[in-house]
């Protein structure tokens, strides 16, 4: 008989304790990010909500505190569309360790015209992808100071049917809002996987994990006033959709598992169990176009050029014992 202990199945309703750990959730003031923050706060960790709007962050913090007695919460002013502000933003964290960052914040536009940031980048590509690329660069020292830290990146089911146009990453020639959004999320997903390859090549213990939340509707999401209020009529009217998709509270489960589960590995994708749209989180095989390492490497180089940053992780020692700095670059790229 084997005496090897069996790992219990992951239970979304019985999360492991994470007392003493620090987690940052971008976009933690609303939507899926709010529920990621709420669920992580219940583990005893300190959870920092990254948000542009102090009032919305304050409302989210008050809501979580009312449901999680003794929750340790904070707000980090964060504007992912303004990469020049991110160094100052990260300096303001005031932490000596960061156990995980959840790259969750995003913007989705559903109609023209095309919008640009002050830096001249298309708004969705800049916020959803380039902002998180730069943020990873600035968070690298904190993450490297924390054994077993994790970078969790939230993709989207919308990216499954899209491909990047490497000659027009910012949709300057043919702008279609829904397609531009899906491509920005695909860029995030390719970034997460390329980051994992570079972390492993550098011998880093930091993990890069990809998640996507499946299908999530406000009408299936429990109320969290004043952040989100669902009427009984809305809930009943959309109840049949619950057979196919889910609320944003359940859509948060893949990211929460990616942060907390000791069995999670870098370079994997967690998604809802039922067709990638609803249910408890599981490891899903990577979609074929997510395994395109050439496109991912070209995107990485373009992102570095556009932001002026390249995530670099400094280890106390290199593999083999020599001290120094290990950059996330793969020989031959």
Protein backbone atom coordinates (compact mmCIF):
# COMPACT_ATOMS: atom_id res chain seq x y z
CA UNK A 1 0.00 0.00 0.00
CA UNK A 2 1.30 3.46 -0.88
CA UNK A 3 1.85 5.89 1.99
CA UNK A 4 2.16 8.94 -0.28
CA UNK A 5 -0.38 11.55 0.89
CA UNK A 6 -3.05 12.41 -1.64
CA UNK A 7 -3.62 16.04 -2.56
CA UNK A 8 -7.27 16.87 -1.82
CA UNK A 9 -9.38 18.15 -4.71
CA UNK A 10 -9.46 21.92 -5.06
CA UNK A 11 -12.54 23.32 -3.31
CA UNK A 12 -13.54 26.85 -4.32
CA UNK A 13 -15.49 27.16 -1.08
CA UNK A 14 -12.65 26.00 1.24
CA UNK A 15 -9.63 28.07 0.31
CA UNK A 16 -6.28 27.55 2.07
CA UNK A 17 -5.12 30.19 4.52
CA UNK A 18 -2.66 32.79 3.26
CA UNK A 19 -1.94 34.80 6.41
CA UNK A 20 1.10 37.04 6.05
CA UNK A 21 1.00 37.07 2.25
CA UNK A 22 0.52 40.14 0.05
CA UNK A 23 -1.55 40.12 -3.14
CA UNK A 24 -2.15 42.90 -5.68
CA UNK A 25 -5.24 42.74 -7.92
CA UNK A 26 -5.40 45.24 -10.76
CA UNK A 27 -8.96 46.37 -11.41
CA UNK A 28 -9.95 45.00 -8.01
CA UNK A 29 -12.64 47.62 -7.52
CA UNK A 30 -15.26 46.10 -9.87
CA UNK A 31 -16.35 43.10 -11.90
CA UNK A 32 -14.37 39.88 -11.74
CA UNK A 33 -11.44 41.67 -10.10
CA UNK A 34 -13.64 42.66 -7.16
CA UNK A 35 -14.56 39.03 -6.49
CA UNK A 36 -10.93 37.93 -6.84
CA UNK A 37 -10.06 40.48 -4.15
CA UNK A 38 -12.98 39.49 -1.93
CA UNK A 39 -12.16 35.78 -2.08
CA UNK A 40 -8.44 36.32 -1.50
CA UNK A 41 -9.17 38.62 1.45
CA UNK A 42 -11.05 35.77 3.14
CA UNK A 43 -7.79 33.76 3.32
CA UNK A 44 -6.15 36.19 5.76
CA UNK A 45 -3.82 37.75 3.18
CA UNK A 46 -3.32 41.47 2.69
CA UNK A 47 -5.03 42.38 -0.59
CA UNK A 48 -4.25 45.61 -2.43
CA UNK A 49 -6.75 46.83 -5.00
CA UNK A 50 -5.16 48.58 -7.98
CA UNK A 51 -7.60 51.18 -9.31
CA UNK A 52 -7.58 54.58 -11.01
CA UNK A 53 -10.61 55.82 -9.04
CA UNK A 54 -10.13 56.27 -5.27
CA UNK A 55 -13.89 56.54 -4.65
CA UNK A 56 -14.62 53.25 -6.41
CA UNK A 57 -11.73 51.57 -4.64
CA UNK A 58 -13.02 52.85 -1.32
CA UNK A 59 -16.48 51.46 -2.03
CA UNK A 60 -15.00 48.08 -2.95
CA UNK A 61 -12.87 48.01 0.19
CA UNK A 62 -15.90 48.86 2.34
CA UNK A 63 -17.93 46.11 0.66
CA UNK A 64 -15.23 43.48 1.20
CA UNK A 65 -14.67 44.58 4.80
CA UNK A 66 -18.40 44.18 5.51
CA UNK A 67 -18.27 40.56 4.32
CA UNK A 68 -14.82 39.56 5.55
CA UNK A 69 -14.35 40.57 9.20
CA UNK A 70 -10.79 41.66 9.88
CA UNK A 71 -9.88 41.84 6.19
CA UNK A 72 -6.51 43.47 5.48
CA UNK A 73 -7.08 45.73 2.49
CA UNK A 74 -5.40 48.61 0.70
CA UNK A 75 -5.71 50.76 -2.40
CA UNK A 76 -2.98 51.47 -4.95
CA UNK A 77 -3.72 54.32 -7.41
CA UNK A 78 -3.07 52.67 -10.75
CA UNK A 79 -3.47 53.94 -14.31
CA UNK A 80 -2.30 51.24 -16.71
CA UNK A 81 -2.87 53.54 -19.68
CA UNK A 82 -0.15 55.85 -18.35
CA UNK A 83 3.07 53.80 -18.31
CA UNK A 84 5.13 56.80 -17.16
CA UNK A 85 3.24 56.75 -13.85
CA UNK A 86 3.84 53.10 -13.00
CA UNK A 87 7.29 53.40 -11.41
CA UNK A 88 5.96 55.95 -8.90
CA UNK A 89 2.88 53.81 -8.40
CA UNK A 90 4.87 50.71 -7.50
CA UNK A 91 7.15 52.70 -5.20
CA UNK A 92 4.00 53.73 -3.32
CA UNK A 93 3.13 50.11 -2.53
CA UNK A 94 5.38 50.22 0.52
CA UNK A 95 5.74 46.42 0.69
CA UNK A 96 8.87 44.36 1.24
CA UNK A 97 7.38 41.33 -0.52
CA UNK A 98 4.66 40.55 -3.05
CA UNK A 99 3.38 37.00 -3.21
CA UNK A 100 1.21 37.45 -6.29
CA UNK A 101 -0.08 40.03 -8.71
CA UNK A 102 -3.29 39.35 -10.64
CA UNK A 103 -3.24 41.20 -13.97
CA UNK A 104 -7.00 41.59 -14.22
CA UNK A 105 -7.81 45.22 -15.08
CA UNK A 106 -9.00 45.94 -18.57
CA UNK A 107 -11.08 48.18 -20.76
CA UNK A 108 -13.51 47.07 -23.48
CA UNK A 109 -14.92 49.51 -26.03
CA UNK A 110 -17.89 48.44 -28.13
CA UNK A 111 -18.08 51.20 -30.73
CA UNK A 112 -15.84 53.52 -32.77
CA UNK A 113 -14.06 55.86 -32.92
CA UNK A 114 -10.61 54.49 -32.14
CA UNK A 115 -9.17 56.07 -28.98
CA UNK A 116 -5.56 56.64 -28.00
CA UNK A 117 -3.76 57.22 -24.73
CA UNK A 118 -1.65 60.30 -24.06
CA UNK A 119 1.35 58.24 -25.21
CA UNK A 120 -0.33 57.64 -28.59
CA UNK A 121 -1.21 53.97 -28.09
CA UNK A 122 -4.59 52.42 -28.91
CA UNK A 123 -6.50 52.46 -25.62
CA UNK A 124 -7.42 48.78 -25.24
CA UNK A 125 -4.03 47.42 -26.35
CA UNK A 126 -2.30 49.97 -24.11
CA UNK A 127 -4.37 49.27 -20.99
CA UNK A 128 -4.95 45.55 -21.28
CA UNK A 129 -1.51 44.51 -22.50
CA UNK A 130 1.18 47.22 -22.50
CA UNK A 131 0.22 48.50 -19.04
CA UNK A 132 0.55 45.06 -17.50
CA UNK A 133 3.81 44.46 -19.39
CA UNK A 134 5.26 47.64 -17.83
CA UNK A 135 3.78 46.89 -14.42
CA UNK A 136 5.52 43.49 -14.42
CA UNK A 137 8.80 45.26 -15.11
CA UNK A 138 8.38 47.56 -12.11
CA UNK A 139 7.13 44.81 -9.78
CA UNK A 140 10.01 42.46 -10.60
CA UNK A 141 12.20 43.33 -7.57
CA UNK A 142 9.33 42.74 -5.13
CA UNK A 143 8.35 39.48 -6.80
CA UNK A 144 11.92 38.23 -6.79
CA UNK A 145 12.21 39.07 -3.10
CA UNK A 146 9.33 36.66 -2.44
CA UNK A 147 9.97 32.91 -2.75
CA UNK A 148 7.39 31.20 -4.95
CA UNK A 149 5.74 34.44 -6.10
CA UNK A 150 3.22 34.35 -8.93
CA UNK A 151 2.18 36.54 -11.84
CA UNK A 152 -1.38 35.65 -12.82
CA UNK A 153 -2.64 37.05 -16.12
CA UNK A 154 -6.32 37.11 -17.04
CA UNK A 155 -7.11 36.36 -20.66
CA UNK A 156 -10.47 35.96 -22.35
CA UNK A 157 -12.47 33.35 -24.22
CA UNK A 158 -12.91 36.08 -26.86
CA UNK A 159 -9.26 35.58 -27.83
CA UNK A 160 -9.79 31.96 -28.85
CA UNK A 161 -10.88 32.81 -32.39
CA UNK A 162 -8.51 35.77 -32.93
CA UNK A 163 -4.97 36.08 -34.27
CA UNK A 164 -2.56 38.99 -33.90
CA UNK A 165 -1.67 41.20 -36.85
CA UNK A 166 2.00 41.76 -36.06
CA UNK A 167 2.17 44.55 -38.64
CA UNK A 168 -0.76 46.39 -37.03
CA UNK A 169 -0.77 45.55 -33.32
CA UNK A 170 -2.63 48.76 -32.48
CA UNK A 171 -5.33 48.54 -35.17
CA UNK A 172 -4.35 51.73 -36.94
CA UNK A 173 -5.42 50.54 -40.39
CA UNK A 174 -8.60 48.60 -39.67
CA UNK A 175 -10.15 49.36 -36.30
CA UNK A 176 -13.02 47.17 -35.15
CA UNK A 177 -13.66 47.55 -31.40
CA UNK A 178 -14.62 43.97 -30.55
CA UNK A 179 -11.77 42.54 -32.58
CA UNK A 180 -9.29 45.03 -31.10
CA UNK A 181 -10.42 44.02 -27.60
CA UNK A 182 -10.05 40.30 -28.35
CA UNK A 183 -6.59 40.86 -29.81
CA UNK A 184 -5.50 42.88 -26.79
CA UNK A 185 -6.52 39.95 -24.58
CA UNK A 186 -4.71 37.53 -26.87
CA UNK A 187 -1.61 39.70 -26.50
CA UNK A 188 -1.95 39.40 -22.71
CA UNK A 189 -2.20 35.62 -22.96
CA UNK A 190 0.83 35.30 -25.23
CA UNK A 191 2.73 37.59 -22.85
CA UNK A 192 1.92 35.35 -19.87
CA UNK A 193 3.25 32.26 -21.64
CA UNK A 194 6.35 33.99 -23.03
CA UNK A 195 7.00 35.34 -19.53
CA UNK A 196 6.89 31.79 -18.17
CA UNK A 197 9.43 30.62 -20.76
CA UNK A 198 11.79 33.46 -19.88
CA UNK A 199 11.39 32.95 -16.14
CA UNK A 200 12.27 29.28 -16.49
CA UNK A 201 15.23 30.05 -18.76
CA UNK A 202 16.46 32.50 -16.12
CA UNK A 203 16.15 29.91 -13.35
CA UNK A 204 13.59 32.02 -11.48
CA UNK A 205 11.23 30.53 -8.89
CA UNK A 206 8.53 33.07 -9.83
CA UNK A 207 5.63 31.50 -11.75
CA UNK A 208 3.66 33.00 -14.62
CA UNK A 209 0.18 31.48 -14.78
CA UNK A 210 -2.53 32.15 -17.37
CA UNK A 211 -6.25 32.11 -16.57
CA UNK A 212 -9.44 32.92 -18.36
CA UNK A 213 -12.77 33.39 -16.59
CA UNK A 214 -15.14 31.88 -19.14
CA UNK A 215 -18.51 33.53 -19.67
CA UNK A 216 -19.62 35.94 -16.96
CA UNK A 217 -22.83 37.99 -16.76
CA UNK A 218 -23.84 40.75 -14.36
CA UNK A 219 -27.35 39.26 -14.19
CA UNK A 220 -25.94 36.05 -12.69
CA UNK A 221 -23.63 37.90 -10.29
CA UNK A 222 -24.67 38.36 -6.65
CA UNK A 223 -25.28 41.93 -5.53
CA UNK A 224 -22.52 43.93 -3.90
CA UNK A 225 -24.10 47.36 -3.46
CA UNK A 226 -23.15 50.01 -4.40
CA UNK A 227 -20.63 48.28 -6.72
CA UNK A 228 -23.17 45.99 -8.33
CA UNK A 229 -26.90 45.66 -7.71
CA UNK A 230 -28.85 42.79 -9.26
CA UNK A 231 -32.63 42.83 -9.21
CA UNK A 232 -34.72 39.70 -8.74
CA UNK A 233 -36.22 40.30 -12.18
CA UNK A 234 -32.78 40.34 -13.82
CA UNK A 235 -31.76 37.18 -12.04
CA UNK A 236 -34.91 35.26 -12.97
CA UNK A 237 -34.89 36.55 -16.54
CA UNK A 238 -31.38 35.28 -17.18
CA UNK A 239 -31.51 32.15 -15.03
CA UNK A 240 -31.56 29.77 -18.04
CA UNK A 241 -28.21 31.24 -19.14
CA UNK A 242 -26.75 29.81 -15.95
CA UNK A 243 -26.64 26.46 -17.76
CA UNK A 244 -24.05 27.91 -20.14
CA UNK A 245 -22.27 30.79 -18.36
CA UNK A 246 -21.95 32.07 -14.79
CA UNK A 247 -21.69 35.09 -12.54
CA UNK A 248 -18.54 37.11 -11.97
CA UNK A 249 -18.11 35.61 -8.53
CA UNK A 250 -17.58 32.18 -10.10
CA UNK A 251 -15.57 33.69 -12.96
CA UNK A 252 -13.02 34.77 -10.32
CA UNK A 253 -12.29 31.15 -9.32
CA UNK A 254 -9.55 30.41 -11.90
CA UNK A 255 -7.49 33.45 -10.83
CA UNK A 256 -7.96 32.68 -7.13
CA UNK A 257 -6.81 29.10 -7.66
CA UNK A 258 -3.82 30.31 -9.70
CA UNK A 259 -2.78 32.48 -6.75
CA UNK A 260 -3.33 29.96 -3.95
CA UNK A 261 -3.06 26.38 -5.15
CA UNK A 262 0.39 24.97 -4.29
CA UNK A 263 0.01 22.46 -7.13
CA UNK A 264 -0.29 25.08 -9.87
CA UNK A 265 2.59 25.20 -12.37
CA UNK A 266 3.85 28.04 -14.53
CA UNK A 267 2.96 28.10 -18.21
CA UNK A 268 -0.42 26.46 -17.60
CA UNK A 269 -3.91 27.84 -18.26
CA UNK A 270 -6.72 27.54 -15.74
CA UNK A 271 -10.29 27.93 -16.95
CA UNK A 272 -13.86 26.91 -16.02
CA UNK A 273 -14.43 23.18 -16.27
CA UNK A 274 -17.51 23.10 -18.53
CA UNK A 275 -16.40 23.94 -22.08
CA UNK A 276 -14.23 26.75 -20.72
CA UNK A 277 -17.38 28.77 -19.97
CA UNK A 278 -18.62 27.87 -16.50
CA UNK A 279 -17.88 25.72 -13.47
CA UNK A 280 -14.99 25.06 -11.14
CA UNK A 281 -11.45 25.80 -12.36
CA UNK A 282 -9.22 23.19 -13.96
CA UNK A 283 -6.07 23.11 -16.08
CA UNK A 284 -7.04 23.39 -19.75
CA UNK A 285 -4.78 22.44 -22.67
CA UNK A 286 -3.39 25.54 -24.36
CA UNK A 287 -5.19 26.62 -27.50
CA UNK A 288 -3.09 25.93 -30.59
CA UNK A 289 -2.29 29.56 -31.38
CA UNK A 290 -1.15 30.16 -27.79
CA UNK A 291 1.74 27.76 -28.39
CA UNK A 292 3.16 29.96 -31.19
CA UNK A 293 6.47 30.91 -29.61
CA UNK A 294 7.62 32.94 -32.63
CA UNK A 295 4.63 35.29 -32.47
CA UNK A 296 5.01 35.56 -28.68
CA UNK A 297 8.70 36.51 -28.98
CA UNK A 298 7.96 39.15 -31.65
CA UNK A 299 5.17 40.57 -29.48
CA UNK A 300 7.55 40.70 -26.49
CA UNK A 301 10.12 42.67 -28.50
CA UNK A 302 7.46 45.05 -29.84
CA UNK A 303 6.05 45.58 -26.35
CA UNK A 304 9.51 46.40 -25.03
CA UNK A 305 10.02 48.93 -27.82
CA UNK A 306 6.62 50.56 -27.24
CA UNK A 307 6.97 50.82 -23.46
CA UNK A 308 10.71 51.33 -23.13
CA UNK A 309 10.76 48.50 -20.56
CA UNK A 310 11.74 44.87 -20.46
CA UNK A 311 10.89 42.84 -17.35
CA UNK A 312 14.19 41.92 -15.67
CA UNK A 313 14.33 39.73 -12.59
CA UNK A 314 17.20 40.08 -10.14
CA UNK A 315 18.00 36.94 -8.17
CA UNK A 316 20.08 36.80 -5.00
CA UNK A 317 22.19 34.18 -6.75
CA UNK A 318 22.31 32.77 -10.21
CA UNK A 319 21.79 29.03 -10.61
CA UNK A 320 25.12 27.57 -9.55
CA UNK A 321 25.78 30.19 -6.88
CA UNK A 322 27.15 33.22 -8.71
CA UNK A 323 25.61 36.51 -7.64
CA UNK A 324 24.20 38.89 -10.18
CA UNK A 325 21.23 39.99 -12.26
CA UNK A 326 19.27 37.57 -14.40
CA UNK A 327 17.39 39.21 -17.29
CA UNK A 328 14.35 37.57 -18.84
CA UNK A 329 15.93 37.00 -22.21
CA UNK A 330 16.21 33.69 -24.02
CA UNK A 331 19.39 32.98 -25.97
CA UNK A 332 18.81 33.21 -29.70
CA UNK A 333 15.86 35.62 -29.54
